[in-house]
Amino acid sequence: LLRELLTRFPASEYADDAQYTLALDAAMVQNFDSAGVHILQVLETSPDTTLQARSDSLLRILGEERLTQKQLRRLIAQSKKADDHDLLLLLLAKREISDGDPDGARTITDTILARQYPGKYRTDFRALSDRLSKMKNIRIGVLLPLLEKDPSNPVHTVSEELLDGMKFALASSERSGKGTQHIQLDVRDTEWDSTLNFTYAEQLAGNPAVLAVVGPLFSDM
């Protein structure tokens, strides 16, 4: 019904509310790509300041928790207003931090802050820049029998699930914005070889940049 309204009456006074509702509906069924498109449309066209504020908040939630870098870059390419473009760049920078690429985030923040007119989100970019400047890089070694050469092996599945759990925990910590440390995982595939367990453990233990080592999953060391 809402889509029909937008098709038949694109200039309707209810069009922006319809777009916002469609964004909520898409988010509820986890179609975050579509949700992002609808909410961007509201930000680009709605004169309603209240709806604009709600849309800004929803896009921030989607960008920080749901949208991938690829999806954010697609929305950036679609954005026409400078402020919306900057908001999406801010969310992309935060996503890059979550995905383990603080250098990419620094490039974005430095570029925005170097402009003569940094725009509406200057304070947000400044806060993110300050956070990045205080961020310490910490490396944690991970020894798992990922068995990349034998993905049908059930041990491969268990190892992948453990690794996904670690990555999820790190991403959640990064998104919270409370930490001053960027944690990078140095993952080694030990296959099913105790010799590799020992070799990789020795290498990681001898690296002063590695704070700790998780694993191995199986060991006779």
C-alpha atoms as a PDB file:
ATOM      1  CA  LEU A   1       0.000   0.000   0.000  1.00  0.00           C
ATOM      2  CA  LEU A   2       2.789   2.419   0.913  1.00  0.00           C
ATOM      3  CA  ARG A   3       4.723   1.562  -2.224  1.00  0.00           C
ATOM      4  CA  GLU A   4       1.596   2.150  -4.286  1.00  0.00           C
ATOM      5  CA  LEU A   5       1.168   5.539  -2.598  1.00  0.00           C
ATOM      6  CA  LEU A   6       4.721   6.501  -3.515  1.00  0.00           C
ATOM      7  CA  THR A   7       4.259   5.288  -7.089  1.00  0.00           C
ATOM      8  CA  ARG A   8       0.941   7.041  -7.709  1.00  0.00           C
ATOM      9  CA  PHE A   9       1.483  10.136  -5.605  1.00  0.00           C
ATOM     10  CA  PRO A  10       5.243  10.740  -5.277  1.00  0.00           C
ATOM     11  CA  ALA A  11       4.653  14.385  -4.341  1.00  0.00           C
ATOM     12  CA  SER A  12       2.144  13.553  -1.604  1.00  0.00           C
ATOM     13  CA  GLU A  13       2.578  15.240   1.759  1.00  0.00           C
ATOM     14  CA  TYR A  14       2.678  11.733   3.220  1.00  0.00           C
ATOM     15  CA  ALA A  15       5.480  10.485   0.961  1.00  0.00           C
ATOM     16  CA  ASP A  16       8.273  11.075   3.479  1.00  0.00           C
ATOM     17  CA  ASP A  17       6.335   9.354   6.270  1.00  0.00           C
ATOM     18  CA  ALA A  18       5.731   6.440   3.920  1.00  0.00           C
ATOM     19  CA  GLN A  19       9.457   6.210   3.167  1.00  0.00           C
ATOM     20  CA  TYR A  20      10.269   6.233   6.884  1.00  0.00           C
ATOM     21  CA  THR A  21       7.712   3.501   7.598  1.00  0.00           C
ATOM     22  CA  LEU A  22       9.104   1.402   4.748  1.00  0.00           C
ATOM     23  CA  ALA A  23      12.572   1.826   6.255  1.00  0.00           C
ATOM     24  CA  LEU A  24      11.316   0.535   9.610  1.00  0.00           C
ATOM     25  CA  ASP A  25       9.529  -2.386   7.945  1.00  0.00           C
ATOM     26  CA  ALA A  26      12.653  -3.323   5.966  1.00  0.00           C
ATOM     27  CA  ALA A  27      14.804  -3.161   9.100  1.00  0.00           C
ATOM     28  CA  MET A  28      12.403  -5.425  10.988  1.00  0.00           C
ATOM     29  CA  VAL A  29      12.774  -8.151   8.347  1.00  0.00           C
ATOM     30  CA  GLN A  30      16.562  -7.550   8.305  1.00  0.00           C
ATOM     31  CA  ASN A  31      16.589  -6.070   4.816  1.00  0.00           C
ATOM     32  CA  PHE A  32      19.032  -3.412   5.949  1.00  0.00           C
ATOM     33  CA  ASP A  33      20.126  -2.447   2.450  1.00  0.00           C
ATOM     34  CA  SER A  34      16.572  -1.444   1.555  1.00  0.00           C
ATOM     35  CA  ALA A  35      16.096   0.247   4.925  1.00  0.00           C
ATOM     36  CA  GLY A  36      19.129   2.410   4.258  1.00  0.00           C
ATOM     37  CA  VAL A  37      17.833   3.455   0.834  1.00  0.00           C
ATOM     38  CA  HIS A  38      14.444   4.486   2.245  1.00  0.00           C
ATOM     39  CA  ILE A  39      15.863   6.402   5.185  1.00  0.00           C
ATOM     40  CA  LEU A  40      18.324   8.234   2.937  1.00  0.00           C
ATOM     41  CA  GLN A  41      15.399   9.294   0.770  1.00  0.00           C
ATOM     42  CA  VAL A  42      13.725  10.834   3.820  1.00  0.00           C
ATOM     43  CA  LEU A  43      16.880  12.719   4.756  1.00  0.00           C
ATOM     44  CA  GLU A  44      17.269  13.979   1.200  1.00  0.00           C
ATOM     45  CA  THR A  45      13.708  15.254   0.739  1.00  0.00           C
ATOM     46  CA  SER A  46      11.809  15.787   3.995  1.00  0.00           C
ATOM     47  CA  PRO A  47      11.361  19.373   5.275  1.00  0.00           C
ATOM     48  CA  ASP A  48      10.039  17.999   8.593  1.00  0.00           C
ATOM     49  CA  THR A  49      12.772  18.589  11.197  1.00  0.00           C
ATOM     50  CA  THR A  50      11.297  16.021  13.590  1.00  0.00           C
ATOM     51  CA  LEU A  51      11.237  13.343  10.904  1.00  0.00           C
ATOM     52  CA  GLN A  52      14.739  14.376   9.865  1.00  0.00           C
ATOM     53  CA  ALA A  53      16.003  13.864  13.430  1.00  0.00           C
ATOM     54  CA  ARG A  54      14.336  10.452  13.682  1.00  0.00           C
ATOM     55  CA  SER A  55      15.787   9.462  10.324  1.00  0.00           C
ATOM     56  CA  ASP A  56      19.247  10.607  11.377  1.00  0.00           C
ATOM     57  CA  SER A  57      19.014   8.428  14.499  1.00  0.00           C
ATOM     58  CA  LEU A  58      17.770   5.403  12.563  1.00  0.00           C
ATOM     59  CA  LEU A  59      20.505   5.716   9.947  1.00  0.00           C
ATOM     60  CA  ARG A  60      23.133   5.936  12.687  1.00  0.00           C
ATOM     61  CA  ILE A  61      21.820   2.719  14.252  1.00  0.00           C
ATOM     62  CA  LEU A  62      21.766   0.938  10.897  1.00  0.00           C
ATOM     63  CA  GLY A  63      25.206   2.225   9.946  1.00  0.00           C
ATOM     64  CA  GLU A  64      26.912   1.347  13.218  1.00  0.00           C
ATOM     65  CA  GLU A  65      25.265  -2.023  13.779  1.00  0.00           C
ATOM     66  CA  ARG A  66      23.901  -3.466  10.545  1.00  0.00           C
ATOM     67  CA  LEU A  67      25.138  -1.989   7.274  1.00  0.00           C
ATOM     68  CA  THR A  68      28.338  -3.323   5.749  1.00  0.00           C
ATOM     69  CA  GLN A  69      31.080  -1.178   4.259  1.00  0.00           C
ATOM     70  CA  LYS A  70      29.861  -2.115   0.791  1.00  0.00           C
ATOM     71  CA  GLN A  71      26.300  -1.059   1.581  1.00  0.00           C
ATOM     72  CA  LEU A  72      27.461   2.216   3.121  1.00  0.00           C
ATOM     73  CA  ARG A  73      29.619   3.008   0.103  1.00  0.00           C
ATOM     74  CA  ARG A  74      26.625   2.368  -2.147  1.00  0.00           C
ATOM     75  CA  LEU A  75      24.519   4.821  -0.124  1.00  0.00           C
ATOM     76  CA  ILE A  76      27.342   7.385  -0.236  1.00  0.00           C
ATOM     77  CA  ALA A  77      27.296   7.158  -4.030  1.00  0.00           C
ATOM     78  CA  GLN A  78      23.522   7.741  -4.004  1.00  0.00           C
ATOM     79  CA  SER A  79      23.530  10.682  -1.590  1.00  0.00           C
ATOM     80  CA  LYS A  80      23.069  14.140  -3.068  1.00  0.00           C
ATOM     81  CA  LYS A  81      23.121  16.457  -0.052  1.00  0.00           C
ATOM     82  CA  ALA A  82      26.475  17.326   1.505  1.00  0.00           C
ATOM     83  CA  ASP A  83      25.324  16.720   5.092  1.00  0.00           C
ATOM     84  CA  ASP A  84      23.894  13.293   4.250  1.00  0.00           C
ATOM     85  CA  HIS A  85      27.092  12.421   2.397  1.00  0.00           C
ATOM     86  CA  ASP A  86      29.136  13.398   5.467  1.00  0.00           C
ATOM     87  CA  LEU A  87      26.917  11.421   7.847  1.00  0.00           C
ATOM     88  CA  LEU A  88      27.406   8.318   5.713  1.00  0.00           C
ATOM     89  CA  LEU A  89      31.164   8.919   5.650  1.00  0.00           C
ATOM     90  CA  LEU A  90      31.100   9.176   9.445  1.00  0.00           C
ATOM     91  CA  LEU A  91      29.280   5.847   9.667  1.00  0.00           C
ATOM     92  CA  LEU A  92      31.703   4.291   7.180  1.00  0.00           C
ATOM     93  CA  ALA A  93      34.655   5.435   9.293  1.00  0.00           C
ATOM     94  CA  LYS A  94      33.092   3.845  12.380  1.00  0.00           C
ATOM     95  CA  ARG A  95      32.428   0.659  10.434  1.00  0.00           C
ATOM     96  CA  GLU A  96      36.052   0.560   9.297  1.00  0.00           C
ATOM     97  CA  ILE A  97      37.149   0.741  12.935  1.00  0.00           C
ATOM     98  CA  SER A  98      34.788  -2.128  13.780  1.00  0.00           C
ATOM     99  CA  ASP A  99      36.145  -4.128  10.855  1.00  0.00           C
ATOM    100  CA  GLY A 100      39.730  -3.635  12.009  1.00  0.00           C
ATOM    101  CA  ASP A 101      40.814  -0.825   9.693  1.00  0.00           C
ATOM    102  CA  PRO A 102      41.489   2.254  11.874  1.00  0.00           C
ATOM    103  CA  ASP A 103      43.825   3.637   9.195  1.00  0.00           C
ATOM    104  CA  GLY A 104      40.920   3.810   6.742  1.00  0.00           C
ATOM    105  CA  ALA A 105      38.865   5.634   9.371  1.00  0.00           C
ATOM    106  CA  ARG A 106      41.702   8.105   9.958  1.00  0.00           C
ATOM    107  CA  THR A 107      41.850   8.892   6.248  1.00  0.00           C
ATOM    108  CA  ILE A 108      38.161   9.780   6.224  1.00  0.00           C
ATOM    109  CA  THR A 109      38.220  11.885   9.393  1.00  0.00           C
ATOM    110  CA  ASP A 110      41.399  13.715   8.411  1.00  0.00           C
ATOM    111  CA  THR A 111      39.952  14.545   4.988  1.00  0.00           C
ATOM    112  CA  ILE A 112      36.730  15.948   6.448  1.00  0.00           C
ATOM    113  CA  LEU A 113      38.432  17.970   9.181  1.00  0.00           C
ATOM    114  CA  ALA A 114      40.932  19.416   6.720  1.00  0.00           C
ATOM    115  CA  ARG A 115      38.159  21.035   4.701  1.00  0.00           C
ATOM    116  CA  GLN A 116      37.593  24.746   5.118  1.00  0.00           C
ATOM    117  CA  TYR A 117      33.961  24.067   5.976  1.00  0.00           C
ATOM    118  CA  PRO A 118      33.825  20.668   7.750  1.00  0.00           C
ATOM    119  CA  GLY A 119      30.006  20.760   7.856  1.00  0.00           C
ATOM    120  CA  LYS A 120      27.207  19.757  10.194  1.00  0.00           C
ATOM    121  CA  TYR A 121      28.982  16.717  11.639  1.00  0.00           C
ATOM    122  CA  ARG A 122      32.263  18.430  12.514  1.00  0.00           C
ATOM    123  CA  THR A 123      31.833  17.634  16.229  1.00  0.00           C
ATOM    124  CA  ASP A 124      31.241  13.945  15.472  1.00  0.00           C
ATOM    125  CA  PHE A 125      34.308  13.748  13.256  1.00  0.00           C
ATOM    126  CA  ARG A 126      36.408  15.578  15.840  1.00  0.00           C
ATOM    127  CA  ALA A 127      35.312  13.131  18.556  1.00  0.00           C
ATOM    128  CA  LEU A 128      36.111  10.188  16.291  1.00  0.00           C
ATOM    129  CA  SER A 129      39.498  11.691  15.439  1.00  0.00           C
ATOM    130  CA  ASP A 130      40.297  12.128  19.134  1.00  0.00           C
ATOM    131  CA  ARG A 131      39.302   8.539  19.790  1.00  0.00           C
ATOM    132  CA  LEU A 132      41.542   7.320  16.978  1.00  0.00           C
ATOM    133  CA  SER A 133      44.486   9.353  18.265  1.00  0.00           C
ATOM    134  CA  LYS A 134      44.204   7.658  21.660  1.00  0.00           C
ATOM    135  CA  MET A 135      43.660   4.194  20.276  1.00  0.00           C
ATOM    136  CA  LYS A 136      46.393   1.677  21.000  1.00  0.00           C
ATOM    137  CA  ASN A 137      46.936  -1.293  18.729  1.00  0.00           C
ATOM    138  CA  ILE A 138      46.931  -4.655  20.480  1.00  0.00           C
ATOM    139  CA  ARG A 139      47.510  -7.954  18.739  1.00  0.00           C
ATOM    140  CA  ILE A 140      46.166 -11.282  19.998  1.00  0.00           C
ATOM    141  CA  GLY A 141      47.337 -14.543  18.483  1.00  0.00           C
ATOM    142  CA  VAL A 142      44.731 -17.178  17.638  1.00  0.00           C
ATOM    143  CA  LEU A 143      45.643 -20.814  17.013  1.00  0.00           C
ATOM    144  CA  LEU A 144      42.805 -22.804  15.458  1.00  0.00           C
ATOM    145  CA  PRO A 145      42.553 -25.850  13.194  1.00  0.00           C
ATOM    146  CA  LEU A 146      40.656 -23.980  10.498  1.00  0.00           C
ATOM    147  CA  LEU A 147      41.435 -26.741   8.013  1.00  0.00           C
ATOM    148  CA  GLU A 148      41.025 -24.434   5.026  1.00  0.00           C
ATOM    149  CA  LYS A 149      42.072 -27.299   2.776  1.00  0.00           C
ATOM    150  CA  ASP A 150      39.305 -29.524   4.157  1.00  0.00           C
ATOM    151  CA  PRO A 151      36.233 -27.273   4.744  1.00  0.00           C
ATOM    152  CA  SER A 152      33.868 -30.269   4.940  1.00  0.00           C
ATOM    153  CA  ASN A 153      35.570 -31.436   8.152  1.00  0.00           C
ATOM    154  CA  PRO A 154      33.361 -30.712  11.221  1.00  0.00           C
ATOM    155  CA  VAL A 155      36.404 -29.353  13.063  1.00  0.00           C
ATOM    156  CA  HIS A 156      36.571 -26.624  10.421  1.00  0.00           C
ATOM    157  CA  THR A 157      33.003 -25.601  11.287  1.00  0.00           C
ATOM    158  CA  VAL A 158      33.742 -25.504  15.022  1.00  0.00           C
ATOM    159  CA  SER A 159      36.866 -23.420  14.468  1.00  0.00           C
ATOM    160  CA  GLU A 160      35.056 -20.980  12.185  1.00  0.00           C
ATOM    161  CA  GLU A 161      32.300 -20.542  14.765  1.00  0.00           C
ATOM    162  CA  LEU A 162      34.842 -19.847  17.494  1.00  0.00           C
ATOM    163  CA  LEU A 163      36.616 -17.328  15.284  1.00  0.00           C
ATOM    164  CA  ASP A 164      33.325 -15.650  14.338  1.00  0.00           C
ATOM    165  CA  GLY A 165      32.512 -15.346  18.045  1.00  0.00           C
ATOM    166  CA  MET A 166      35.821 -13.606  18.711  1.00  0.00           C
ATOM    167  CA  LYS A 167      35.290 -11.229  15.786  1.00  0.00           C
ATOM    168  CA  PHE A 168      31.760 -10.441  16.925  1.00  0.00           C
ATOM    169  CA  ALA A 169      32.963  -9.626  20.443  1.00  0.00           C
ATOM    170  CA  LEU A 170      35.685  -7.342  19.101  1.00  0.00           C
ATOM    171  CA  ALA A 171      33.289  -5.583  16.718  1.00  0.00           C
ATOM    172  CA  SER A 172      30.798  -5.016  19.556  1.00  0.00           C
ATOM    173  CA  SER A 173      33.555  -3.530  21.692  1.00  0.00           C
ATOM    174  CA  GLU A 174      34.684  -1.237  18.866  1.00  0.00           C
ATOM    175  CA  ARG A 175      31.114  -0.057  18.178  1.00  0.00           C
ATOM    176  CA  SER A 176      30.578   0.849  21.823  1.00  0.00           C
ATOM    177  CA  GLY A 177      33.127   3.614  21.394  1.00  0.00           C
ATOM    178  CA  LYS A 178      34.219   3.246  25.011  1.00  0.00           C
ATOM    179  CA  GLY A 179      37.535   1.555  24.474  1.00  0.00           C
ATOM    180  CA  THR A 180      40.839   3.201  23.629  1.00  0.00           C
ATOM    181  CA  GLN A 181      42.362   0.038  22.221  1.00  0.00           C
ATOM    182  CA  HIS A 182      42.139  -1.492  18.796  1.00  0.00           C
ATOM    183  CA  ILE A 183      42.505  -5.251  19.008  1.00  0.00           C
ATOM    184  CA  GLN A 184      43.721  -7.144  15.982  1.00  0.00           C
ATOM    185  CA  LEU A 185      43.586 -10.920  15.688  1.00  0.00           C
ATOM    186  CA  ASP A 186      46.637 -12.691  14.271  1.00  0.00           C
ATOM    187  CA  VAL A 187      44.990 -15.942  13.165  1.00  0.00           C
ATOM    188  CA  ARG A 188      47.072 -19.031  12.359  1.00  0.00           C
ATOM    189  CA  ASP A 189      45.655 -22.195  10.839  1.00  0.00           C
ATOM    190  CA  THR A 190      47.231 -25.058  12.790  1.00  0.00           C
ATOM    191  CA  GLU A 191      45.467 -27.605  10.564  1.00  0.00           C
ATOM    192  CA  TRP A 192      45.699 -30.844  12.564  1.00  0.00           C
ATOM    193  CA  ASP A 193      49.394 -30.677  13.176  1.00  0.00           C
ATOM    194  CA  SER A 194      50.921 -30.455  16.664  1.00  0.00           C
ATOM    195  CA  THR A 195      54.168 -29.290  15.080  1.00  0.00           C
ATOM    196  CA  LEU A 196      52.376 -26.256  13.676  1.00  0.00           C
ATOM    197  CA  ASN A 197      50.830 -25.641  17.104  1.00  0.00           C
ATOM    198  CA  PHE A 198      54.281 -25.429  18.608  1.00  0.00           C
ATOM    199  CA  THR A 199      55.809 -23.423  15.748  1.00  0.00           C
ATOM    200  CA  TYR A 200      53.062 -20.780  15.673  1.00  0.00           C
ATOM    201  CA  ALA A 201      52.862 -20.550  19.468  1.00  0.00           C
ATOM    202  CA  GLU A 202      56.612 -19.981  19.617  1.00  0.00           C
ATOM    203  CA  GLN A 203      56.445 -17.316  16.889  1.00  0.00           C
ATOM    204  CA  LEU A 204      53.604 -15.452  18.568  1.00  0.00           C
ATOM    205  CA  ALA A 205      55.154 -15.704  22.038  1.00  0.00           C
ATOM    206  CA  GLY A 206      58.371 -14.239  20.673  1.00  0.00           C
ATOM    207  CA  ASN A 207      56.591 -11.259  19.113  1.00  0.00           C
ATOM    208  CA  PRO A 208      56.533  -8.305  21.553  1.00  0.00           C
ATOM    209  CA  ALA A 209      53.506  -6.866  19.736  1.00  0.00           C
ATOM    210  CA  VAL A 210      51.384  -9.899  20.692  1.00  0.00           C
ATOM    211  CA  LEU A 211      49.746  -9.477  24.083  1.00  0.00           C
ATOM    212  CA  ALA A 212      48.186 -12.938  24.367  1.00  0.00           C
ATOM    213  CA  VAL A 213      47.572 -16.175  22.500  1.00  0.00           C
ATOM    214  CA  VAL A 214      44.238 -18.016  22.290  1.00  0.00           C
ATOM    215  CA  GLY A 215      44.462 -21.737  21.558  1.00  0.00           C
ATOM    216  CA  PRO A 216      45.301 -24.194  20.297  1.00  0.00           C
ATOM    217  CA  LEU A 217      41.977 -26.023  20.217  1.00  0.00           C
ATOM    218  CA  PHE A 218      43.668 -29.430  20.335  1.00  0.00           C
ATOM    219  CA  SER A 219      47.163 -29.934  21.632  1.00  0.00           C
ATOM    220  CA  ASP A 220      49.614 -32.518  22.893  1.00  0.00           C
ATOM    221  CA  MET A 221      52.157 -29.808  23.696  1.00  0.00           C
END
